[in-house]
């Protein structure tokens, strides 16, 4: 019976964490919609920075 209670408690804690996560991200989405409607996260990397990373890490490890 103790294993069953531990399993139920674990599921309850997991459910509570998921509910808190949903509330938190819903609030973030609300803030984005009301305060920052046109803000976009940059989903690109500049060509110069990509070349810099390539020369720094990849090209050095190939030699």
N, C-alpha and C. Protein backbone atom coordinates (compact mmCIF):
# COMPACT_ATOMS: atom_id res chain seq x y z
N UNK A 1 0.82 -1.20 0.00
CA UNK A 1 0.00 0.00 0.00
C UNK A 1 0.86 1.26 0.00
N UNK A 2 2.03 1.20 0.64
CA UNK A 2 2.89 2.38 0.67
C UNK A 2 3.42 2.74 -0.71
N UNK A 3 3.66 1.74 -1.55
CA UNK A 3 4.14 2.00 -2.90
C UNK A 3 3.06 2.70 -3.70
N UNK A 4 1.82 2.26 -3.51
CA UNK A 4 0.69 2.89 -4.21
C UNK A 4 0.54 4.35 -3.78
N UNK A 5 0.65 4.63 -2.50
CA UNK A 5 0.54 6.01 -2.01
C UNK A 5 1.68 6.88 -2.53
N UNK A 6 2.87 6.33 -2.59
CA UNK A 6 4.01 7.08 -3.12
C UNK A 6 3.79 7.39 -4.60
N UNK A 7 3.26 6.44 -5.34
CA UNK A 7 2.97 6.63 -6.76
C UNK A 7 1.92 7.73 -6.94
N UNK A 8 0.87 7.68 -6.13
CA UNK A 8 -0.20 8.69 -6.22
C UNK A 8 0.34 10.07 -5.86
N UNK A 9 1.15 10.15 -4.82
CA UNK A 9 1.74 11.44 -4.43
C UNK A 9 2.64 11.98 -5.53
N UNK A 10 3.42 11.11 -6.16
CA UNK A 10 4.29 11.53 -7.25
C UNK A 10 3.47 12.08 -8.41
N UNK A 11 2.37 11.39 -8.75
CA UNK A 11 1.51 11.88 -9.82
C UNK A 11 0.86 13.21 -9.46
N UNK A 12 0.48 13.38 -8.21
CA UNK A 12 -0.14 14.65 -7.78
C UNK A 12 0.87 15.79 -7.87
N UNK A 13 2.11 15.55 -7.46
CA UNK A 13 3.14 16.58 -7.54
C UNK A 13 3.43 16.91 -9.00
N UNK A 14 3.52 15.90 -9.84
CA UNK A 14 3.76 16.13 -11.26
C UNK A 14 2.61 16.92 -11.89
N UNK A 15 1.39 16.58 -11.52
CA UNK A 15 0.24 17.33 -12.02
C UNK A 15 0.25 18.78 -11.56
N UNK A 16 0.62 19.01 -10.31
CA UNK A 16 0.68 20.38 -9.79
C UNK A 16 1.76 21.18 -10.51
N UNK A 17 2.91 20.56 -10.77
CA UNK A 17 3.99 21.24 -11.48
C UNK A 17 3.55 21.59 -12.90
N UNK A 18 2.86 20.67 -13.56
CA UNK A 18 2.37 20.94 -14.91
C UNK A 18 1.34 22.07 -14.92
N UNK A 19 0.45 22.09 -13.94
CA UNK A 19 -0.54 23.17 -13.86
C UNK A 19 0.13 24.52 -13.64
N UNK A 20 1.12 24.56 -12.77
CA UNK A 20 1.86 25.81 -12.53
C UNK A 20 2.59 26.23 -13.79
N UNK A 21 3.17 25.28 -14.52
CA UNK A 21 3.85 25.61 -15.77
C UNK A 21 2.91 26.17 -16.81
N UNK A 22 1.72 25.59 -16.93
CA UNK A 22 0.73 26.09 -17.88
C UNK A 22 0.30 27.50 -17.50
N UNK A 23 0.08 27.75 -16.23
CA UNK A 23 -0.30 29.10 -15.79
C UNK A 23 0.81 30.11 -16.07
N UNK A 24 2.05 29.73 -15.80
CA UNK A 24 3.18 30.63 -16.02
C UNK A 24 3.32 30.99 -17.49
N UNK A 25 3.29 29.98 -18.37
CA UNK A 25 3.47 30.27 -19.79
C UNK A 25 2.25 30.97 -20.38
N UNK A 26 1.08 30.73 -19.82
CA UNK A 26 -0.10 31.48 -20.26
C UNK A 26 0.04 32.95 -19.90
N UNK A 27 0.58 33.23 -18.72
CA UNK A 27 0.81 34.61 -18.33
C UNK A 27 1.85 35.27 -19.23
N UNK A 28 2.92 34.54 -19.59
CA UNK A 28 3.91 35.10 -20.50
C UNK A 28 3.29 35.40 -21.86
N UNK A 29 2.44 34.52 -22.35
CA UNK A 29 1.77 34.77 -23.62
C UNK A 29 0.85 35.97 -23.53
N UNK A 30 0.16 36.12 -22.39
CA UNK A 30 -0.70 37.29 -22.17
C UNK A 30 0.13 38.58 -22.19
N UNK A 31 1.29 38.56 -21.52
CA UNK A 31 2.15 39.74 -21.52
C UNK A 31 2.63 40.07 -22.93
N UNK A 32 3.02 39.05 -23.69
CA UNK A 32 3.48 39.29 -25.05
C UNK A 32 2.37 39.87 -25.90
N UNK A 33 1.17 39.35 -25.75
CA UNK A 33 0.05 39.83 -26.56
C UNK A 33 -0.33 41.27 -26.21
N UNK A 34 -0.28 41.63 -24.92
CA UNK A 34 -0.73 42.96 -24.52
C UNK A 34 0.37 44.02 -24.58
N UNK A 35 1.59 43.67 -24.20
CA UNK A 35 2.64 44.68 -24.10
C UNK A 35 3.59 44.70 -25.29
N UNK A 36 3.88 43.54 -25.86
CA UNK A 36 4.87 43.45 -26.94
C UNK A 36 4.28 42.71 -28.15
N UNK A 37 3.28 43.28 -28.82
CA UNK A 37 2.62 42.52 -29.90
C UNK A 37 3.48 42.34 -31.15
N UNK A 38 4.43 43.22 -31.41
CA UNK A 38 5.22 43.13 -32.64
C UNK A 38 6.62 42.59 -32.42
N UNK A 39 6.94 42.16 -31.21
CA UNK A 39 8.29 41.69 -30.90
C UNK A 39 8.49 40.31 -31.50
N UNK A 40 9.61 40.14 -32.18
CA UNK A 40 9.93 38.84 -32.77
C UNK A 40 11.32 38.43 -32.32
N UNK A 41 11.44 37.18 -31.92
CA UNK A 41 12.74 36.67 -31.53
C UNK A 41 13.55 36.41 -32.79
N UNK A 42 14.79 36.88 -32.84
CA UNK A 42 15.58 36.64 -34.05
C UNK A 42 15.89 35.15 -34.22
N UNK A 43 15.43 34.59 -35.32
CA UNK A 43 15.65 33.16 -35.54
C UNK A 43 16.70 32.93 -36.62
N UNK A 44 17.65 33.81 -36.68
CA UNK A 44 18.70 33.68 -37.66
C UNK A 44 20.03 34.01 -37.01
N UNK A 45 21.10 33.64 -37.65
CA UNK A 45 22.45 33.98 -37.20
C UNK A 45 23.10 34.76 -38.33
N UNK A 46 23.75 35.84 -37.99
CA UNK A 46 24.39 36.61 -39.04
C UNK A 46 25.51 35.79 -39.68
N UNK A 47 25.78 36.07 -40.94
CA UNK A 47 26.78 35.31 -41.68
C UNK A 47 28.16 35.49 -41.08
N UNK A 48 28.48 36.69 -40.66
CA UNK A 48 29.80 36.94 -40.06
C UNK A 48 30.01 36.15 -38.79
N UNK A 49 28.98 36.06 -37.96
CA UNK A 49 29.10 35.32 -36.71
C UNK A 49 29.21 33.82 -36.98
N UNK A 50 28.48 33.34 -37.99
CA UNK A 50 28.57 31.92 -38.34
C UNK A 50 29.97 31.59 -38.85
N UNK A 51 30.56 32.46 -39.66
CA UNK A 51 31.93 32.24 -40.14
C UNK A 51 32.92 32.27 -38.98
N UNK A 52 32.73 33.17 -38.06
CA UNK A 52 33.59 33.25 -36.89
C UNK A 52 33.55 31.96 -36.09
N UNK A 53 32.34 31.44 -35.84
CA UNK A 53 32.22 30.19 -35.09
C UNK A 53 32.82 29.02 -35.85
N UNK A 54 32.63 29.01 -37.17
CA UNK A 54 33.20 27.94 -37.98
C UNK A 54 34.72 27.96 -37.89
N UNK A 55 35.32 29.13 -38.05
CA UNK A 55 36.78 29.22 -38.00
C UNK A 55 37.31 28.91 -36.60
N UNK A 56 36.57 29.27 -35.59
CA UNK A 56 37.05 29.09 -34.23
C UNK A 56 36.98 27.63 -33.78
N UNK A 57 35.89 26.95 -34.08
CA UNK A 57 35.69 25.61 -33.53
C UNK A 57 35.84 24.49 -34.56
N UNK A 58 35.19 24.58 -35.68
CA UNK A 58 35.12 23.45 -36.60
C UNK A 58 36.41 23.33 -37.41
N UNK A 59 36.87 24.41 -37.99
CA UNK A 59 38.06 24.36 -38.83
C UNK A 59 39.28 23.93 -38.01
N UNK A 60 39.36 24.36 -36.77
CA UNK A 60 40.48 23.99 -35.93
C UNK A 60 40.47 22.52 -35.59
N UNK A 61 39.29 21.94 -35.41
CA UNK A 61 39.23 20.53 -35.04
C UNK A 61 39.44 19.61 -36.23
N UNK A 62 39.26 20.11 -37.46
CA UNK A 62 39.47 19.28 -38.65
C UNK A 62 40.96 19.06 -38.90
N UNK A 63 41.79 20.06 -38.62
CA UNK A 63 43.23 19.97 -38.89
C UNK A 63 43.91 18.92 -38.06
